[in-house]
């Protein structure tokens, strides 16, 4: 039985990557006709090239996965939905979760979060609690959306073990 093989490549110049993927799809040498997934990565410590995308291709005949890593300069990258229709959903998901904009994508709108949602939740600078909280008001008989207020009174914590003297 042949086990899966994983190959990964880092592409630094994103100016010609649309042409590069077009050649890869139509070449019999690679047989990378199936785009399995696109994953976003947020490197918060880097200020200039903060986001990167992992394009995961599957060669069904050779049982290989090939991963191309591309930096998204300024959070903008060209769309591959014209070449690989399966990238349509993944690009919308990355737009919703990371805020990476895809040039040439015909339908970039929220897909996993609500339309009124502010921000992009998989960014590392997104607060864990979010920006808004929802609560039901018994007096007004409706759901209210309010800014989160995280207030906690000072407490003294006793870190001694109760079973030691």
C-alpha atoms as a PDB file:
ATOM      1  CA  UNK A   1       0.000   0.000   0.000  1.00  0.00           C
ATOM      2  CA  UNK A   2       1.296   3.432  -0.925  1.00  0.00           C
ATOM      3  CA  UNK A   3       1.214   5.946   1.879  1.00  0.00           C
ATOM      4  CA  UNK A   4       0.388   9.601   1.393  1.00  0.00           C
ATOM      5  CA  UNK A   5       3.234  11.888   0.439  1.00  0.00           C
ATOM      6  CA  UNK A   6       3.219  15.538   1.437  1.00  0.00           C
ATOM      7  CA  UNK A   7       5.255  18.099  -0.472  1.00  0.00           C
ATOM      8  CA  UNK A   8       5.281  21.765   0.432  1.00  0.00           C
ATOM      9  CA  UNK A   9       6.618  24.775  -1.427  1.00  0.00           C
ATOM     10  CA  UNK A  10       6.914  28.409  -0.431  1.00  0.00           C
ATOM     11  CA  UNK A  11       6.062  30.888  -3.165  1.00  0.00           C
ATOM     12  CA  UNK A  12       7.265  34.399  -2.409  1.00  0.00           C
ATOM     13  CA  UNK A  13       6.277  36.249  -5.593  1.00  0.00           C
ATOM     14  CA  UNK A  14       2.492  36.413  -5.821  1.00  0.00           C
ATOM     15  CA  UNK A  15       2.391  38.517  -8.999  1.00  0.00           C
ATOM     16  CA  UNK A  16       2.309  35.505 -11.314  1.00  0.00           C
ATOM     17  CA  UNK A  17       0.743  32.890  -9.088  1.00  0.00           C
ATOM     18  CA  UNK A  18      -2.521  32.837 -11.079  1.00  0.00           C
ATOM     19  CA  UNK A  19      -0.562  31.841 -14.188  1.00  0.00           C
ATOM     20  CA  UNK A  20       1.474  29.394 -12.118  1.00  0.00           C
ATOM     21  CA  UNK A  21      -1.626  27.576 -10.856  1.00  0.00           C
ATOM     22  CA  UNK A  22      -3.157  27.585 -14.327  1.00  0.00           C
ATOM     23  CA  UNK A  23      -0.065  25.783 -15.669  1.00  0.00           C
ATOM     24  CA  UNK A  24      -0.058  23.356 -12.741  1.00  0.00           C
ATOM     25  CA  UNK A  25      -3.703  22.432 -13.270  1.00  0.00           C
ATOM     26  CA  UNK A  26      -3.341  21.822 -17.007  1.00  0.00           C
ATOM     27  CA  UNK A  27       0.032  20.047 -16.892  1.00  0.00           C
ATOM     28  CA  UNK A  28       0.181  16.266 -17.117  1.00  0.00           C
ATOM     29  CA  UNK A  29       3.399  16.273 -15.108  1.00  0.00           C
ATOM     30  CA  UNK A  30       1.692  17.410 -11.909  1.00  0.00           C
ATOM     31  CA  UNK A  31      -1.899  16.114 -12.218  1.00  0.00           C
ATOM     32  CA  UNK A  32      -3.052  18.585  -9.579  1.00  0.00           C
ATOM     33  CA  UNK A  33      -6.618  18.909 -10.794  1.00  0.00           C
ATOM     34  CA  UNK A  34      -8.183  18.880  -7.322  1.00  0.00           C
ATOM     35  CA  UNK A  35      -7.841  21.798  -4.904  1.00  0.00           C
ATOM     36  CA  UNK A  36      -8.641  20.154  -1.595  1.00  0.00           C
ATOM     37  CA  UNK A  37      -8.540  23.161   0.716  1.00  0.00           C
ATOM     38  CA  UNK A  38      -7.232  26.648   1.376  1.00  0.00           C
ATOM     39  CA  UNK A  39      -6.141  27.494   4.908  1.00  0.00           C
ATOM     40  CA  UNK A  40      -5.356  30.906   6.317  1.00  0.00           C
ATOM     41  CA  UNK A  41      -2.555  31.641   8.772  1.00  0.00           C
ATOM     42  CA  UNK A  42      -2.139  34.785  10.860  1.00  0.00           C
ATOM     43  CA  UNK A  43       1.396  35.702  11.918  1.00  0.00           C
ATOM     44  CA  UNK A  44       0.641  38.546  14.319  1.00  0.00           C
ATOM     45  CA  UNK A  45       4.314  39.170  15.102  1.00  0.00           C
ATOM     46  CA  UNK A  46       5.012  40.173  11.480  1.00  0.00           C
ATOM     47  CA  UNK A  47       3.734  43.632  10.646  1.00  0.00           C
ATOM     48  CA  UNK A  48       4.259  43.692   6.875  1.00  0.00           C
ATOM     49  CA  UNK A  49       3.366  40.172   5.674  1.00  0.00           C
ATOM     50  CA  UNK A  50       1.025  39.149   8.423  1.00  0.00           C
ATOM     51  CA  UNK A  51      -1.175  36.677   6.537  1.00  0.00           C
ATOM     52  CA  UNK A  52      -0.311  33.595   4.525  1.00  0.00           C
ATOM     53  CA  UNK A  53      -2.432  31.086   2.647  1.00  0.00           C
ATOM     54  CA  UNK A  54      -1.869  27.363   2.304  1.00  0.00           C
ATOM     55  CA  UNK A  55      -3.208  25.904  -0.931  1.00  0.00           C
ATOM     56  CA  UNK A  56      -3.564  22.131  -0.537  1.00  0.00           C
ATOM     57  CA  UNK A  57      -3.773  20.156  -3.772  1.00  0.00           C
ATOM     58  CA  UNK A  58      -4.389  16.449  -4.142  1.00  0.00           C
ATOM     59  CA  UNK A  59      -2.892  14.226  -6.826  1.00  0.00           C
ATOM     60  CA  UNK A  60      -5.298  11.299  -6.777  1.00  0.00           C
ATOM     61  CA  UNK A  61      -3.267   9.048  -9.059  1.00  0.00           C
ATOM     62  CA  UNK A  62      -0.003   9.298  -7.102  1.00  0.00           C
ATOM     63  CA  UNK A  63      -1.607   9.624  -3.633  1.00  0.00           C
ATOM     64  CA  UNK A  64       0.192  12.915  -3.032  1.00  0.00           C
ATOM     65  CA  UNK A  65      -0.740  16.126  -1.315  1.00  0.00           C
ATOM     66  CA  UNK A  66       1.097  19.213  -2.489  1.00  0.00           C
ATOM     67  CA  UNK A  67       0.948  22.329  -0.344  1.00  0.00           C
ATOM     68  CA  UNK A  68       1.822  25.769  -1.672  1.00  0.00           C
ATOM     69  CA  UNK A  69       2.350  28.529   0.890  1.00  0.00           C
ATOM     70  CA  UNK A  70       1.693  32.055  -0.349  1.00  0.00           C
ATOM     71  CA  UNK A  71       2.005  35.322   1.567  1.00  0.00           C
ATOM     72  CA  UNK A  72      -1.011  37.614   1.272  1.00  0.00           C
ATOM     73  CA  UNK A  73       0.625  41.009   0.901  1.00  0.00           C
ATOM     74  CA  UNK A  74      -1.412  43.623   2.798  1.00  0.00           C
ATOM     75  CA  UNK A  75      -4.209  41.066   3.213  1.00  0.00           C
ATOM     76  CA  UNK A  76      -4.950  40.991  -0.528  1.00  0.00           C
ATOM     77  CA  UNK A  77      -4.458  38.113  -2.972  1.00  0.00           C
ATOM     78  CA  UNK A  78      -5.897  37.105  -6.339  1.00  0.00           C
ATOM     79  CA  UNK A  79      -8.753  34.639  -6.473  1.00  0.00           C
ATOM     80  CA  UNK A  80      -8.401  31.160  -7.989  1.00  0.00           C
ATOM     81  CA  UNK A  81     -12.140  30.630  -8.406  1.00  0.00           C
ATOM     82  CA  UNK A  82     -11.842  30.936 -12.208  1.00  0.00           C
ATOM     83  CA  UNK A  83      -9.341  28.060 -12.381  1.00  0.00           C
ATOM     84  CA  UNK A  84     -10.512  25.940  -9.437  1.00  0.00           C
ATOM     85  CA  UNK A  85     -14.268  26.310  -8.748  1.00  0.00           C
ATOM     86  CA  UNK A  86     -13.788  24.475  -5.438  1.00  0.00           C
ATOM     87  CA  UNK A  87     -11.883  27.488  -4.117  1.00  0.00           C
ATOM     88  CA  UNK A  88     -15.058  29.593  -4.119  1.00  0.00           C
ATOM     89  CA  UNK A  89     -16.301  28.421  -0.730  1.00  0.00           C
ATOM     90  CA  UNK A  90     -12.858  28.361   0.886  1.00  0.00           C
ATOM     91  CA  UNK A  91     -12.085  31.905  -0.246  1.00  0.00           C
ATOM     92  CA  UNK A  92     -15.382  33.143   1.168  1.00  0.00           C
ATOM     93  CA  UNK A  93     -14.646  31.377   4.433  1.00  0.00           C
ATOM     94  CA  UNK A  94     -11.166  32.927   4.658  1.00  0.00           C
ATOM     95  CA  UNK A  95     -12.623  36.353   3.871  1.00  0.00           C
ATOM     96  CA  UNK A  96     -15.152  35.911   6.680  1.00  0.00           C
ATOM     97  CA  UNK A  97     -12.768  34.539   9.290  1.00  0.00           C
ATOM     98  CA  UNK A  98      -9.494  36.385   8.480  1.00  0.00           C
ATOM     99  CA  UNK A  99     -10.495  39.387   6.387  1.00  0.00           C
ATOM    100  CA  UNK A 100      -8.133  38.493   3.530  1.00  0.00           C
ATOM    101  CA  UNK A 101      -9.517  40.067   0.356  1.00  0.00           C
ATOM    102  CA  UNK A 102      -9.525  38.044  -2.893  1.00  0.00           C
ATOM    103  CA  UNK A 103      -9.258  40.110  -6.085  1.00  0.00           C
ATOM    104  CA  UNK A 104     -11.558  38.830  -8.800  1.00  0.00           C
ATOM    105  CA  UNK A 105     -13.868  36.860  -6.534  1.00  0.00           C
ATOM    106  CA  UNK A 106     -17.453  37.461  -7.611  1.00  0.00           C
ATOM    107  CA  UNK A 107     -19.214  36.841  -4.278  1.00  0.00           C
ATOM    108  CA  UNK A 108     -17.229  37.813  -1.171  1.00  0.00           C
ATOM    109  CA  UNK A 109     -19.758  37.942   1.653  1.00  0.00           C
ATOM    110  CA  UNK A 110     -20.008  36.461   5.094  1.00  0.00           C
ATOM    111  CA  UNK A 111     -20.538  32.727   5.125  1.00  0.00           C
ATOM    112  CA  UNK A 112     -20.042  31.552   8.731  1.00  0.00           C
ATOM    113  CA  UNK A 113     -20.787  34.627  10.820  1.00  0.00           C
ATOM    114  CA  UNK A 114     -23.793  36.923  10.921  1.00  0.00           C
ATOM    115  CA  UNK A 115     -24.137  39.807   8.477  1.00  0.00           C
ATOM    116  CA  UNK A 116     -23.982  42.395  11.249  1.00  0.00           C
ATOM    117  CA  UNK A 117     -20.899  40.809  12.796  1.00  0.00           C
ATOM    118  CA  UNK A 118     -17.954  43.179  13.196  1.00  0.00           C
ATOM    119  CA  UNK A 119     -14.392  42.012  12.729  1.00  0.00           C
ATOM    120  CA  UNK A 120     -12.855  38.714  11.704  1.00  0.00           C
ATOM    121  CA  UNK A 121     -12.783  36.121  14.518  1.00  0.00           C
ATOM    122  CA  UNK A 122      -9.736  34.041  13.509  1.00  0.00           C
ATOM    123  CA  UNK A 123      -7.375  36.996  13.554  1.00  0.00           C
ATOM    124  CA  UNK A 124      -5.047  36.803  16.495  1.00  0.00           C
ATOM    125  CA  UNK A 125      -5.805  40.366  17.566  1.00  0.00           C
ATOM    126  CA  UNK A 126      -9.547  39.669  17.765  1.00  0.00           C
ATOM    127  CA  UNK A 127     -10.707  39.702  21.427  1.00  0.00           C
ATOM    128  CA  UNK A 128     -11.753  36.338  22.831  1.00  0.00           C
ATOM    129  CA  UNK A 129     -15.087  37.692  24.047  1.00  0.00           C
ATOM    130  CA  UNK A 130     -15.793  39.628  20.868  1.00  0.00           C
ATOM    131  CA  UNK A 131     -17.078  43.182  20.748  1.00  0.00           C
ATOM    132  CA  UNK A 132     -20.798  42.722  21.373  1.00  0.00           C
ATOM    133  CA  UNK A 133     -22.937  40.588  23.622  1.00  0.00           C
ATOM    134  CA  UNK A 134     -26.529  39.547  23.085  1.00  0.00           C
ATOM    135  CA  UNK A 135     -29.045  39.308  25.885  1.00  0.00           C
ATOM    136  CA  UNK A 136     -32.801  39.009  26.150  1.00  0.00           C
ATOM    137  CA  UNK A 137     -34.530  41.892  27.922  1.00  0.00           C
ATOM    138  CA  UNK A 138     -37.717  40.835  29.739  1.00  0.00           C
ATOM    139  CA  UNK A 139     -39.057  44.395  29.876  1.00  0.00           C
ATOM    140  CA  UNK A 140     -38.610  45.191  26.174  1.00  0.00           C
ATOM    141  CA  UNK A 141     -39.382  41.601  25.129  1.00  0.00           C
ATOM    142  CA  UNK A 142     -36.580  41.488  22.575  1.00  0.00           C
ATOM    143  CA  UNK A 143     -32.907  40.642  22.144  1.00  0.00           C
ATOM    144  CA  UNK A 144     -30.495  43.509  22.786  1.00  0.00           C
ATOM    145  CA  UNK A 145     -27.025  43.850  21.325  1.00  0.00           C
ATOM    146  CA  UNK A 146     -24.700  45.753  23.663  1.00  0.00           C
ATOM    147  CA  UNK A 147     -20.963  46.413  23.851  1.00  0.00           C
ATOM    148  CA  UNK A 148     -19.188  44.024  26.192  1.00  0.00           C
ATOM    149  CA  UNK A 149     -18.273  45.412  29.583  1.00  0.00           C
ATOM    150  CA  UNK A 150     -15.732  43.261  31.356  1.00  0.00           C
ATOM    151  CA  UNK A 151     -15.659  44.513  34.910  1.00  0.00           C
ATOM    152  CA  UNK A 152     -14.555  42.499  37.890  1.00  0.00           C
ATOM    153  CA  UNK A 153     -14.105  43.626  41.437  1.00  0.00           C
ATOM    154  CA  UNK A 154     -10.778  43.085  43.125  1.00  0.00           C
ATOM    155  CA  UNK A 155     -10.464  39.758  44.886  1.00  0.00           C
ATOM    156  CA  UNK A 156      -7.719  38.494  47.097  1.00  0.00           C
ATOM    157  CA  UNK A 157      -6.625  34.994  46.181  1.00  0.00           C
ATOM    158  CA  UNK A 158      -5.192  32.725  48.859  1.00  0.00           C
ATOM    159  CA  UNK A 159      -2.715  30.414  47.144  1.00  0.00           C
ATOM    160  CA  UNK A 160      -1.774  28.422  50.247  1.00  0.00           C
ATOM    161  CA  UNK A 161      -2.647  24.760  50.259  1.00  0.00           C
ATOM    162  CA  UNK A 162      -5.390  24.013  52.824  1.00  0.00           C
ATOM    163  CA  UNK A 163      -3.760  20.750  53.858  1.00  0.00           C
ATOM    164  CA  UNK A 164      -0.331  22.282  54.604  1.00  0.00           C
ATOM    165  CA  UNK A 165       0.602  24.347  57.643  1.00  0.00           C
END
